[in-house]
Amino acid sequence: MANFTTTQAIETLAAKIGGSVYIEIAKWHLYLAEAHLHTEVAEKVYPLIENHKLSENKVLSILRDIKVPLGGGTLEVSLIDLLPAQCKATLINLLQEDQRNQ
């Protein structure tokens, strides 16, 4: 039962992230759900929430480690470099709220 609950929590978190956080490329906003990055972010940050170890530095480190392929994979860019400052703040706030509600 715990695995189902965790999976459901990650899916819910992924949906929140996917609809609230976007990458910006040439002034175009591509939400993480559209870029198929929301689930990966949720899976990597959820343990921080679950274990009450959420911090801005840890989240930013996770974003730095997620590589986004561009140009058919000829170039990889860290997700953190594609997120505008306001989206980083939105993500942190969303995660903090999710942790408070657990």
C-alpha atoms as a PDB file:
ATOM      1  CA  MET A   1       0.000   0.000   0.000  1.00  0.00           C
ATOM      2  CA  ALA A   2       2.866   2.383   0.747  1.00  0.00           C
ATOM      3  CA  ASN A   3       4.157   2.074  -2.831  1.00  0.00           C
ATOM      4  CA  PHE A   4       0.737   3.007  -4.244  1.00  0.00           C
ATOM      5  CA  THR A   5       0.502   5.969  -1.883  1.00  0.00           C
ATOM      6  CA  THR A   6       4.006   7.146  -2.829  1.00  0.00           C
ATOM      7  CA  THR A   7       3.307   6.705  -6.538  1.00  0.00           C
ATOM      8  CA  GLN A   8       0.075   8.636  -6.214  1.00  0.00           C
ATOM      9  CA  ALA A   9       1.817  11.424  -4.264  1.00  0.00           C
ATOM     10  CA  ILE A  10       4.548  11.680  -6.916  1.00  0.00           C
ATOM     11  CA  GLU A  11       1.971  11.793  -9.721  1.00  0.00           C
ATOM     12  CA  THR A  12       0.035  14.529  -7.933  1.00  0.00           C
ATOM     13  CA  LEU A  13       3.222  16.501  -7.335  1.00  0.00           C
ATOM     14  CA  ALA A  14       4.280  15.996 -10.968  1.00  0.00           C
ATOM     15  CA  ALA A  15       0.944  17.393 -12.157  1.00  0.00           C
ATOM     16  CA  LYS A  16       1.365  20.492  -9.978  1.00  0.00           C
ATOM     17  CA  ILE A  17       4.932  21.013 -11.196  1.00  0.00           C
ATOM     18  CA  GLY A  18       4.054  20.340 -14.825  1.00  0.00           C
ATOM     19  CA  GLY A  19       1.336  22.976 -14.912  1.00  0.00           C
ATOM     20  CA  SER A  20       3.154  25.651 -12.908  1.00  0.00           C
ATOM     21  CA  VAL A  21       6.810  25.575 -13.939  1.00  0.00           C
ATOM     22  CA  TYR A  22       8.158  26.207 -17.419  1.00  0.00           C
ATOM     23  CA  ILE A  23      11.425  26.431 -19.271  1.00  0.00           C
ATOM     24  CA  GLU A  24      12.023  29.500 -21.384  1.00  0.00           C
ATOM     25  CA  ILE A  25      13.675  29.262 -24.775  1.00  0.00           C
ATOM     26  CA  ALA A  26      13.786  32.313 -27.054  1.00  0.00           C
ATOM     27  CA  LYS A  27      10.986  33.884 -24.987  1.00  0.00           C
ATOM     28  CA  TRP A  28       8.804  30.791 -25.506  1.00  0.00           C
ATOM     29  CA  HIS A  29       7.372  29.161 -22.394  1.00  0.00           C
ATOM     30  CA  LEU A  30       7.317  25.377 -22.443  1.00  0.00           C
ATOM     31  CA  TYR A  31       5.713  23.942 -19.322  1.00  0.00           C
ATOM     32  CA  LEU A  32       7.499  20.971 -17.803  1.00  0.00           C
ATOM     33  CA  ALA A  33       4.495  18.731 -18.506  1.00  0.00           C
ATOM     34  CA  GLU A  34       4.725  19.596 -22.206  1.00  0.00           C
ATOM     35  CA  ALA A  35       8.474  18.953 -22.150  1.00  0.00           C
ATOM     36  CA  HIS A  36       7.923  15.618 -20.345  1.00  0.00           C
ATOM     37  CA  LEU A  37      10.174  16.729 -17.477  1.00  0.00           C
ATOM     38  CA  HIS A  38       7.618  17.094 -14.688  1.00  0.00           C
ATOM     39  CA  THR A  39       7.653  13.452 -13.587  1.00  0.00           C
ATOM     40  CA  GLU A  40      11.444  13.292 -13.444  1.00  0.00           C
ATOM     41  CA  VAL A  41      11.567  16.431 -11.297  1.00  0.00           C
ATOM     42  CA  ALA A  42       8.819  15.110  -8.996  1.00  0.00           C
ATOM     43  CA  GLU A  43      10.521  11.723  -8.590  1.00  0.00           C
ATOM     44  CA  LYS A  44      13.803  13.358  -7.643  1.00  0.00           C
ATOM     45  CA  VAL A  45      12.452  15.970  -5.221  1.00  0.00           C
ATOM     46  CA  TYR A  46       9.782  13.838  -3.549  1.00  0.00           C
ATOM     47  CA  PRO A  47      12.236  12.075  -1.182  1.00  0.00           C
ATOM     48  CA  LEU A  48      13.251  15.505   0.157  1.00  0.00           C
ATOM     49  CA  ILE A  49       9.614  16.276   0.925  1.00  0.00           C
ATOM     50  CA  GLU A  50       8.896  12.851   2.351  1.00  0.00           C
ATOM     51  CA  ASN A  51      11.928  12.968   4.659  1.00  0.00           C
ATOM     52  CA  HIS A  52      11.415  16.642   5.603  1.00  0.00           C
ATOM     53  CA  LYS A  53      14.833  17.554   4.187  1.00  0.00           C
ATOM     54  CA  LEU A  54      13.630  20.054   1.621  1.00  0.00           C
ATOM     55  CA  SER A  55      15.927  23.015   1.077  1.00  0.00           C
ATOM     56  CA  GLU A  56      16.379  25.445  -1.758  1.00  0.00           C
ATOM     57  CA  ASN A  57      20.003  24.382  -2.244  1.00  0.00           C
ATOM     58  CA  LYS A  58      19.061  20.701  -2.543  1.00  0.00           C
ATOM     59  CA  VAL A  59      16.320  21.442  -5.061  1.00  0.00           C
ATOM     60  CA  LEU A  60      18.638  23.635  -7.128  1.00  0.00           C
ATOM     61  CA  SER A  61      21.243  20.878  -7.059  1.00  0.00           C
ATOM     62  CA  ILE A  62      18.680  18.396  -8.391  1.00  0.00           C
ATOM     63  CA  LEU A  63      17.721  20.824 -11.159  1.00  0.00           C
ATOM     64  CA  ARG A  64      21.397  21.245 -12.011  1.00  0.00           C
ATOM     65  CA  ASP A  65      21.791  17.464 -12.358  1.00  0.00           C
ATOM     66  CA  ILE A  66      18.822  17.018 -14.721  1.00  0.00           C
ATOM     67  CA  LYS A  67      20.106  17.317 -18.276  1.00  0.00           C
ATOM     68  CA  VAL A  68      17.754  18.427 -21.045  1.00  0.00           C
ATOM     69  CA  PRO A  69      18.730  17.288 -24.546  1.00  0.00           C
ATOM     70  CA  LEU A  70      18.501  19.955 -27.250  1.00  0.00           C
ATOM     71  CA  GLY A  71      19.000  19.746 -30.995  1.00  0.00           C
ATOM     72  CA  GLY A  72      18.222  16.053 -31.187  1.00  0.00           C
ATOM     73  CA  GLY A  73      20.634  15.354 -28.372  1.00  0.00           C
ATOM     74  CA  THR A  74      23.614  17.186 -29.832  1.00  0.00           C
ATOM     75  CA  LEU A  75      23.628  19.450 -26.775  1.00  0.00           C
ATOM     76  CA  GLU A  76      22.588  18.897 -23.171  1.00  0.00           C
ATOM     77  CA  VAL A  77      21.719  21.771 -20.857  1.00  0.00           C
ATOM     78  CA  SER A  78      21.033  21.621 -17.142  1.00  0.00           C
ATOM     79  CA  LEU A  79      17.387  22.192 -16.366  1.00  0.00           C
ATOM     80  CA  ILE A  80      18.366  24.907 -13.889  1.00  0.00           C
ATOM     81  CA  ASP A  81      19.775  26.968 -16.775  1.00  0.00           C
ATOM     82  CA  LEU A  82      16.473  26.853 -18.665  1.00  0.00           C
ATOM     83  CA  LEU A  83      14.233  27.949 -15.787  1.00  0.00           C
ATOM     84  CA  PRO A  84      13.615  31.663 -15.267  1.00  0.00           C
ATOM     85  CA  ALA A  85      14.148  32.891 -11.695  1.00  0.00           C
ATOM     86  CA  GLN A  86      10.397  33.223 -11.133  1.00  0.00           C
ATOM     87  CA  CYS A  87       9.882  29.557 -12.048  1.00  0.00           C
ATOM     88  CA  LYS A  88      12.592  28.457  -9.635  1.00  0.00           C
ATOM     89  CA  ALA A  89      10.822  30.433  -6.912  1.00  0.00           C
ATOM     90  CA  THR A  90       7.450  28.986  -7.933  1.00  0.00           C
ATOM     91  CA  LEU A  91       8.872  25.468  -7.749  1.00  0.00           C
ATOM     92  CA  ILE A  92      10.407  26.021  -4.304  1.00  0.00           C
ATOM     93  CA  ASN A  93       7.156  27.505  -2.987  1.00  0.00           C
ATOM     94  CA  LEU A  94       5.117  24.661  -4.456  1.00  0.00           C
ATOM     95  CA  LEU A  95       7.405  22.072  -2.837  1.00  0.00           C
ATOM     96  CA  GLN A  96       7.364  23.839   0.522  1.00  0.00           C
ATOM     97  CA  GLU A  97       3.572  23.936   0.435  1.00  0.00           C
ATOM     98  CA  ASP A  98       3.438  20.246  -0.449  1.00  0.00           C
ATOM     99  CA  GLN A  99       5.735  19.426   2.474  1.00  0.00           C
ATOM    100  CA  ARG A 100       3.581  21.469   4.883  1.00  0.00           C
ATOM    101  CA  ASN A 101       0.500  19.576   3.726  1.00  0.00           C
ATOM    102  CA  GLN A 102       2.005  16.159   4.410  1.00  0.00           C
END
